[in-house]
Amino acid sequence: MPGLAVYSLVWWWFLGLRSREQTVANEPWYPHETNPSFVDAMAALRRHFWGERISAASAHGAISDEIIEAMIDALALAA
């Protein structure tokens, strides 16, 4: 039952996002994917939480925002 609750909460949060924030990972082995999967929803949730924590805790100017964003994207999809 806890797994169903987590699954439902992640989808509830993801579907509440604006459509431009509901991204789908473009993987080379599945180039025609148009609908988001649970993996996409979890990656978006990780990006949201990690982005807030990392940007608030990091020193400004040490690393560019673009590099931090790229690192968060890579980690969110890999986790």
PDB file of N, CA and C in Angstrom:
ATOM      1  N   MET A   1       0.805  -1.204   0.000  1.00  0.00           N
ATOM      2  CA  MET A   1       0.000   0.000   0.000  1.00  0.00           C
ATOM      3  C   MET A   1       0.853   1.276   0.000  1.00  0.00           C
ATOM      4  N   PRO A   2       1.998   1.337   0.729  1.00  0.00           N
ATOM      5  CA  PRO A   2       2.796   2.570   0.679  1.00  0.00           C
ATOM      6  C   PRO A   2       3.305   2.882  -0.728  1.00  0.00           C
ATOM      7  N   GLY A   3       3.605   1.840  -1.512  1.00  0.00           N
ATOM      8  CA  GLY A   3       4.067   2.069  -2.878  1.00  0.00           C
ATOM      9  C   GLY A   3       3.008   2.738  -3.732  1.00  0.00           C
ATOM     10  N   LEU A   4       1.778   2.329  -3.568  1.00  0.00           N
ATOM     11  CA  LEU A   4       0.673   2.939  -4.308  1.00  0.00           C
ATOM     12  C   LEU A   4       0.485   4.391  -3.908  1.00  0.00           C
ATOM     13  N   ALA A   5       0.686   4.685  -2.622  1.00  0.00           N
ATOM     14  CA  ALA A   5       0.553   6.061  -2.153  1.00  0.00           C
ATOM     15  C   ALA A   5       1.639   6.947  -2.760  1.00  0.00           C
ATOM     16  N   VAL A   6       2.881   6.456  -2.784  1.00  0.00           N
ATOM     17  CA  VAL A   6       3.980   7.227  -3.377  1.00  0.00           C
ATOM     18  C   VAL A   6       3.724   7.433  -4.860  1.00  0.00           C
ATOM     19  N   TYR A   7       3.343   6.369  -5.549  1.00  0.00           N
ATOM     20  CA  TYR A   7       3.046   6.445  -6.981  1.00  0.00           C
ATOM     21  C   TYR A   7       1.966   7.489  -7.246  1.00  0.00           C
ATOM     22  N   SER A   8       0.906   7.444  -6.472  1.00  0.00           N
ATOM     23  CA  SER A   8      -0.209   8.374  -6.666  1.00  0.00           C
ATOM     24  C   SER A   8       0.203   9.815  -6.366  1.00  0.00           C
ATOM     25  N   LEU A   9       0.972  10.027  -5.303  1.00  0.00           N
ATOM     26  CA  LEU A   9       1.392  11.382  -4.952  1.00  0.00           C
ATOM     27  C   LEU A   9       2.339  11.977  -5.999  1.00  0.00           C
ATOM     28  N   VAL A  10       3.232  11.155  -6.522  1.00  0.00           N
ATOM     29  CA  VAL A  10       4.155  11.652  -7.551  1.00  0.00           C
ATOM     30  C   VAL A  10       3.374  12.069  -8.791  1.00  0.00           C
ATOM     31  N   TRP A  11       2.433  11.233  -9.237  1.00  0.00           N
ATOM     32  CA  TRP A  11       1.635  11.592 -10.418  1.00  0.00           C
ATOM     33  C   TRP A  11       0.755  12.809 -10.146  1.00  0.00           C
ATOM     34  N   TRP A  12       0.179  12.881  -8.955  1.00  0.00           N
ATOM     35  CA  TRP A  12      -0.658  14.035  -8.603  1.00  0.00           C
ATOM     36  C   TRP A  12       0.159  15.317  -8.693  1.00  0.00           C
ATOM     37  N   TRP A  13       1.379  15.301  -8.134  1.00  0.00           N
ATOM     38  CA  TRP A  13       2.247  16.480  -8.184  1.00  0.00           C
ATOM     39  C   TRP A  13       2.624  16.799  -9.627  1.00  0.00           C
ATOM     40  N   PHE A  14       3.027  15.784 -10.385  1.00  0.00           N
ATOM     41  CA  PHE A  14       3.497  15.983 -11.754  1.00  0.00           C
ATOM     42  C   PHE A  14       2.391  16.541 -12.650  1.00  0.00           C
ATOM     43  N   LEU A  15       1.206  16.002 -12.531  1.00  0.00           N
ATOM     44  CA  LEU A  15       0.101  16.466 -13.379  1.00  0.00           C
ATOM     45  C   LEU A  15      -0.381  17.859 -12.986  1.00  0.00           C
ATOM     46  N   GLY A  16      -0.017  18.337 -11.825  1.00  0.00           N
ATOM     47  CA  GLY A  16      -0.341  19.696 -11.412  1.00  0.00           C
ATOM     48  C   GLY A  16       0.615  20.741 -11.960  1.00  0.00           C
ATOM     49  N   LEU A  17       1.715  20.281 -12.564  1.00  0.00           N
ATOM     50  CA  LEU A  17       2.678  21.212 -13.159  1.00  0.00           C
ATOM     51  C   LEU A  17       2.112  21.812 -14.444  1.00  0.00           C
ATOM     52  N   ARG A  18       2.686  22.945 -14.850  1.00  0.00           N
ATOM     53  CA  ARG A  18       2.337  23.496 -16.158  1.00  0.00           C
ATOM     54  C   ARG A  18       2.822  22.539 -17.236  1.00  0.00           C
ATOM     55  N   SER A  19       2.193  22.544 -18.365  1.00  0.00           N
ATOM     56  CA  SER A  19       2.519  21.568 -19.422  1.00  0.00           C
ATOM     57  C   SER A  19       3.963  21.696 -19.901  1.00  0.00           C
ATOM     58  N   ARG A  20       4.535  22.887 -19.879  1.00  0.00           N
ATOM     59  CA  ARG A  20       5.919  23.037 -20.326  1.00  0.00           C
ATOM     60  C   ARG A  20       6.904  22.445 -19.329  1.00  0.00           C
ATOM     61  N   GLU A  21       6.493  22.288 -18.073  1.00  0.00           N
ATOM     62  CA  GLU A  21       7.350  21.686 -17.063  1.00  0.00           C
ATOM     63  C   GLU A  21       7.236  20.159 -17.040  1.00  0.00           C
ATOM     64  N   GLN A  22       6.245  19.619 -17.719  1.00  0.00           N
ATOM     65  CA  GLN A  22       6.068  18.173 -17.794  1.00  0.00           C
ATOM     66  C   GLN A  22       6.916  17.629 -18.940  1.00  0.00           C
ATOM     67  N   THR A  23       8.197  17.442 -18.665  1.00  0.00           N
ATOM     68  CA  THR A  23       9.128  17.032 -19.704  1.00  0.00           C
ATOM     69  C   THR A  23       9.191  15.518 -19.831  1.00  0.00           C
ATOM     70  N   VAL A  24       9.572  15.087 -21.022  1.00  0.00           N
ATOM     71  CA  VAL A  24       9.777  13.671 -21.323  1.00  0.00           C
ATOM     72  C   VAL A  24      11.234  13.511 -21.718  1.00  0.00           C
ATOM     73  N   ALA A  25      11.905  12.532 -21.101  1.00  0.00           N
ATOM     74  CA  ALA A  25      13.316  12.301 -21.415  1.00  0.00           C
ATOM     75  C   ALA A  25      13.440  11.781 -22.845  1.00  0.00           C
ATOM     76  N   ASN A  26      14.314  12.384 -23.615  1.00  0.00           N
ATOM     77  CA  ASN A  26      14.554  11.938 -24.984  1.00  0.00           C
ATOM     78  C   ASN A  26      15.721  10.963 -24.985  1.00  0.00           C
ATOM     79  N   GLU A  27      15.409   9.687 -24.866  1.00  0.00           N
ATOM     80  CA  GLU A  27      16.432   8.646 -24.841  1.00  0.00           C
ATOM     81  C   GLU A  27      16.643   8.104 -26.244  1.00  0.00           C
ATOM     82  N   PRO A  28      17.883   7.817 -26.622  1.00  0.00           N
ATOM     83  CA  PRO A  28      18.155   7.335 -27.984  1.00  0.00           C
ATOM     84  C   PRO A  28      17.479   6.001 -28.286  1.00  0.00           C
ATOM     85  N   TRP A  29      17.246   5.176 -27.270  1.00  0.00           N
ATOM     86  CA  TRP A  29      16.633   3.876 -27.518  1.00  0.00           C
ATOM     87  C   TRP A  29      15.109   3.950 -27.589  1.00  0.00           C
ATOM     88  N   TYR A  30      14.529   5.105 -27.292  1.00  0.00           N
ATOM     89  CA  TYR A  30      13.078   5.263 -27.371  1.00  0.00           C
ATOM     90  C   TYR A  30      12.779   6.669 -27.892  1.00  0.00           C
ATOM     91  N   PRO A  31      13.111   6.932 -29.171  1.00  0.00           N
ATOM     92  CA  PRO A  31      13.027   8.303 -29.686  1.00  0.00           C
ATOM     93  C   PRO A  31      11.607   8.830 -29.887  1.00  0.00           C
ATOM     94  N   HIS A  32      10.619   7.965 -29.933  1.00  0.00           N
ATOM     95  CA  HIS A  32       9.258   8.413 -30.248  1.00  0.00           C
ATOM     96  C   HIS A  32       8.375   8.543 -29.012  1.00  0.00           C
ATOM     97  N   GLU A  33       8.971   8.538 -27.825  1.00  0.00           N
ATOM     98  CA  GLU A  33       8.184   8.677 -26.609  1.00  0.00           C
ATOM     99  C   GLU A  33       7.591  10.083 -26.533  1.00  0.00           C
ATOM    100  N   THR A  34       6.286  10.159 -26.383  1.00  0.00           N
ATOM    101  CA  THR A  34       5.617  11.457 -26.288  1.00  0.00           C
ATOM    102  C   THR A  34       4.887  11.628 -24.961  1.00  0.00           C
ATOM    103  N   ASN A  35       4.509  10.526 -24.337  1.00  0.00           N
ATOM    104  CA  ASN A  35       3.805  10.591 -23.059  1.00  0.00           C
ATOM    105  C   ASN A  35       4.794  10.391 -21.918  1.00  0.00           C
ATOM    106  N   PRO A  36       4.660  11.166 -20.850  1.00  0.00           N
ATOM    107  CA  PRO A  36       5.587  11.004 -19.728  1.00  0.00           C
ATOM    108  C   PRO A  36       5.374   9.667 -19.017  1.00  0.00           C
ATOM    109  N   SER A  37       6.469   9.097 -18.545  1.00  0.00           N
ATOM    110  CA  SER A  37       6.410   7.870 -17.757  1.00  0.00           C
ATOM    111  C   SER A  37       6.603   8.225 -16.287  1.00  0.00           C
ATOM    112  N   PHE A  38       6.493   7.230 -15.430  1.00  0.00           N
ATOM    113  CA  PHE A  38       6.717   7.469 -14.007  1.00  0.00           C
ATOM    114  C   PHE A  38       8.155   7.911 -13.754  1.00  0.00           C
ATOM    115  N   VAL A  39       9.086   7.410 -14.544  1.00  0.00           N
ATOM    116  CA  VAL A  39      10.488   7.826 -14.429  1.00  0.00           C
ATOM    117  C   VAL A  39      10.615   9.320 -14.722  1.00  0.00           C
ATOM    118  N   ASP A  40       9.916   9.809 -15.723  1.00  0.00           N
ATOM    119  CA  ASP A  40       9.928  11.244 -16.037  1.00  0.00           C
ATOM    120  C   ASP A  40       9.342  12.064 -14.888  1.00  0.00           C
ATOM    121  N   ALA A  41       8.258  11.558 -14.300  1.00  0.00           N
ATOM    122  CA  ALA A  41       7.634  12.270 -13.187  1.00  0.00           C
ATOM    123  C   ALA A  41       8.565  12.306 -11.977  1.00  0.00           C
ATOM    124  N   MET A  42       9.232  11.191 -11.681  1.00  0.00           N
ATOM    125  CA  MET A  42      10.173  11.162 -10.557  1.00  0.00           C
ATOM    126  C   MET A  42      11.362  12.082 -10.817  1.00  0.00           C
ATOM    127  N   ALA A  43      11.856  12.109 -12.045  1.00  0.00           N
ATOM    128  CA  ALA A  43      12.983  12.987 -12.378  1.00  0.00           C
ATOM    129  C   ALA A  43      12.586  14.453 -12.212  1.00  0.00           C
ATOM    130  N   ALA A  44      11.381  14.810 -12.599  1.00  0.00           N
ATOM    131  CA  ALA A  44      10.911  16.192 -12.428  1.00  0.00           C
ATOM    132  C   ALA A  44      10.808  16.546 -10.950  1.00  0.00           C
ATOM    133  N   LEU A  45      10.337  15.611 -10.138  1.00  0.00           N
ATOM    134  CA  LEU A  45      10.237  15.852  -8.706  1.00  0.00           C
ATOM    135  C   LEU A  45      11.622  16.013  -8.083  1.00  0.00           C
ATOM    136  N   ARG A  46      12.569  15.168  -8.487  1.00  0.00           N
ATOM    137  CA  ARG A  46      13.938  15.295  -7.984  1.00  0.00           C
ATOM    138  C   ARG A  46      14.543  16.637  -8.399  1.00  0.00           C
ATOM    139  N   ARG A  47      14.339  17.030  -9.665  1.00  0.00           N
ATOM    140  CA  ARG A  47      14.856  18.323 -10.125  1.00  0.00           C
ATOM    141  C   ARG A  47      14.313  19.464  -9.273  1.00  0.00           C
ATOM    142  N   HIS A  48      13.034  19.384  -8.957  1.00  0.00           N
ATOM    143  CA  HIS A  48      12.401  20.438  -8.161  1.00  0.00           C
ATOM    144  C   HIS A  48      13.033  20.526  -6.771  1.00  0.00           C
ATOM    145  N   PHE A  49      13.100  19.415  -6.065  1.00  0.00           N
ATOM    146  CA  PHE A  49      13.632  19.427  -4.708  1.00  0.00           C
ATOM    147  C   PHE A  49      15.128  19.687  -4.675  1.00  0.00           C
ATOM    148  N   TRP A  50      15.879  19.027  -5.532  1.00  0.00           N
ATOM    149  CA  TRP A  50      17.333  19.198  -5.532  1.00  0.00           C
ATOM    150  C   TRP A  50      17.719  20.585  -6.017  1.00  0.00           C
ATOM    151  N   GLY A  51      16.996  21.113  -6.982  1.00  0.00           N
ATOM    152  CA  GLY A  51      17.296  22.459  -7.476  1.00  0.00           C
ATOM    153  C   GLY A  51      17.166  23.506  -6.391  1.00  0.00           C
ATOM    154  N   GLU A  52      16.118  23.392  -5.588  1.00  0.00           N
ATOM    155  CA  GLU A  52      15.931  24.339  -4.490  1.00  0.00           C
ATOM    156  C   GLU A  52      17.021  24.193  -3.437  1.00  0.00           C
ATOM    157  N   ARG A  53      17.371  22.965  -3.093  1.00  0.00           N
ATOM    158  CA  ARG A  53      18.377  22.742  -2.046  1.00  0.00           C
ATOM    159  C   ARG A  53      19.768  23.148  -2.511  1.00  0.00           C
ATOM    160  N   ILE A  54      20.124  22.793  -3.732  1.00  0.00           N
ATOM    161  CA  ILE A  54      21.471  23.075  -4.213  1.00  0.00           C
ATOM    162  C   ILE A  54      21.658  24.561  -4.475  1.00  0.00           C
ATOM    163  N   SER A  55      20.690  25.206  -5.099  1.00  0.00           N
ATOM    164  CA  SER A  55      20.848  26.636  -5.390  1.00  0.00           C
ATOM    165  C   SER A  55      20.844  27.473  -4.123  1.00  0.00           C
ATOM    166  N   ALA A  56      20.113  27.053  -3.110  1.00  0.00           N
ATOM    167  CA  ALA A  56      20.081  27.810  -1.858  1.00  0.00           C
ATOM    168  C   ALA A  56      21.358  27.605  -1.048  1.00  0.00           C
ATOM    169  N   ALA A  57      21.981  26.434  -1.173  1.00  0.00           N
ATOM    170  CA  ALA A  57      23.152  26.117  -0.363  1.00  0.00           C
ATOM    171  C   ALA A  57      24.469  26.469  -1.041  1.00  0.00           C
ATOM    172  N   SER A  58      24.460  26.695  -2.339  1.00  0.00           N
ATOM    173  CA  SER A  58      25.716  26.942  -3.040  1.00  0.00           C
ATOM    174  C   SER A  58      26.060  28.433  -3.051  1.00  0.00           C
ATOM    175  N   ALA A  59      27.347  28.682  -3.130  1.00  0.00           N
ATOM    176  CA  ALA A  59      27.816  30.066  -3.206  1.00  0.00           C
ATOM    177  C   ALA A  59      27.543  30.604  -4.605  1.00  0.00           C
ATOM    178  N   HIS A  60      27.070  31.804  -4.682  1.00  0.00           N
ATOM    179  CA  HIS A  60      26.765  32.390  -5.977  1.00  0.00           C
ATOM    180  C   HIS A  60      28.051  32.806  -6.678  1.00  0.00           C
ATOM    181  N   GLY A  61      28.145  32.475  -7.947  1.00  0.00           N
ATOM    182  CA  GLY A  61      29.298  32.850  -8.743  1.00  0.00           C
ATOM    183  C   GLY A  61      30.378  31.795  -8.808  1.00  0.00           C
ATOM    184  N   ALA A  62      30.376  30.824  -7.898  1.00  0.00           N
ATOM    185  CA  ALA A  62      31.415  29.790  -7.922  1.00  0.00           C
ATOM    186  C   ALA A  62      31.240  28.885  -9.142  1.00  0.00           C
ATOM    187  N   ILE A  63      30.018  28.491  -9.407  1.00  0.00           N
ATOM    188  CA  ILE A  63      29.680  27.666 -10.567  1.00  0.00           C
ATOM    189  C   ILE A  63      28.487  28.325 -11.241  1.00  0.00           C
ATOM    190  N   SER A  64      28.498  28.341 -12.564  1.00  0.00           N
ATOM    191  CA  SER A  64      27.404  29.002 -13.270  1.00  0.00           C
ATOM    192  C   SER A  64      26.094  28.235 -13.081  1.00  0.00           C
ATOM    193  N   ASP A  65      25.006  28.946 -13.195  1.00  0.00           N
ATOM    194  CA  ASP A  65      23.684  28.340 -13.046  1.00  0.00           C
ATOM    195  C   ASP A  65      23.428  27.281 -14.115  1.00  0.00           C
ATOM    196  N   GLU A  66      23.977  27.475 -15.308  1.00  0.00           N
ATOM    197  CA  GLU A  66      23.789  26.502 -16.385  1.00  0.00           C
ATOM    198  C   GLU A  66      24.441  25.168 -16.043  1.00  0.00           C
ATOM    199  N   ILE A  67      25.625  25.220 -15.442  1.00  0.00           N
ATOM    200  CA  ILE A  67      26.314  23.988 -15.068  1.00  0.00           C
ATOM    201  C   ILE A  67      25.565  23.276 -13.947  1.00  0.00           C
ATOM    202  N   ILE A  68      25.098  24.037 -12.970  1.00  0.00           N
ATOM    203  CA  ILE A  68      24.326  23.436 -11.881  1.00  0.00           C
ATOM    204  C   ILE A  68      23.062  22.792 -12.418  1.00  0.00           C
ATOM    205  N   GLU A  69      22.379  23.469 -13.329  1.00  0.00           N
ATOM    206  CA  GLU A  69      21.155  22.922 -13.907  1.00  0.00           C
ATOM    207  C   GLU A  69      21.434  21.643 -14.687  1.00  0.00           C
ATOM    208  N   ALA A  70      22.521  21.610 -15.451  1.00  0.00           N
ATOM    209  CA  ALA A  70      22.888  20.408 -16.199  1.00  0.00           C
ATOM    210  C   ALA A  70      23.222  19.251 -15.266  1.00  0.00           C
ATOM    211  N   MET A  71      23.905  19.536 -14.177  1.00  0.00           N
ATOM    212  CA  MET A  71      24.239  18.489 -13.208  1.00  0.00           C
ATOM    213  C   MET A  71      22.981  17.942 -12.540  1.00  0.00           C
ATOM    214  N   ILE A  72      22.066  18.815 -12.169  1.00  0.00           N
ATOM    215  CA  ILE A  72      20.816  18.374 -11.544  1.00  0.00           C
ATOM    216  C   ILE A  72      20.012  17.540 -12.514  1.00  0.00           C
ATOM    217  N   ASP A  73      19.933  17.939 -13.781  1.00  0.00           N
ATOM    218  CA  ASP A  73      19.202  17.152 -14.783  1.00  0.00           C
ATOM    219  C   ASP A  73      19.793  15.758 -14.933  1.00  0.00           C
ATOM    220  N   ALA A  74      21.115  15.677 -15.023  1.00  0.00           N
ATOM    221  CA  ALA A  74      21.775  14.382 -15.175  1.00  0.00           C
ATOM    222  C   ALA A  74      21.534  13.497 -13.958  1.00  0.00           C
ATOM    223  N   LEU A  75      21.667  14.061 -12.774  1.00  0.00           N
ATOM    224  CA  LEU A  75      21.459  13.283 -11.554  1.00  0.00           C
ATOM    225  C   LEU A  75      20.008  12.864 -11.382  1.00  0.00           C
ATOM    226  N   ALA A  76      19.069  13.729 -11.728  1.00  0.00           N
ATOM    227  CA  ALA A  76      17.656  13.415 -11.570  1.00  0.00           C
ATOM    228  C   ALA A  76      17.245  12.240 -12.445  1.00  0.00           C
ATOM    229  N   LEU A  77      17.799  12.155 -13.639  1.00  0.00           N
ATOM    230  CA  LEU A  77      17.470  11.039 -14.529  1.00  0.00           C
ATOM    231  C   LEU A  77      18.214   9.773 -14.146  1.00  0.00           C
ATOM    232  N   ALA A  78      19.399   9.914 -13.557  1.00  0.00           N
ATOM    233  CA  ALA A  78      20.203   8.749 -13.215  1.00  0.00           C
ATOM    234  C   ALA A  78      19.772   8.099 -11.894  1.00  0.00           C
ATOM    235  N   ALA A  79      19.181   8.869 -11.011  1.00  0.00           N
ATOM    236  CA  ALA A  79      18.851   8.335  -9.675  1.00  0.00           C
ATOM    237  C   ALA A  79      17.718   7.340  -9.734  1.00  0.00           C
TER     238      ALA A  79
END
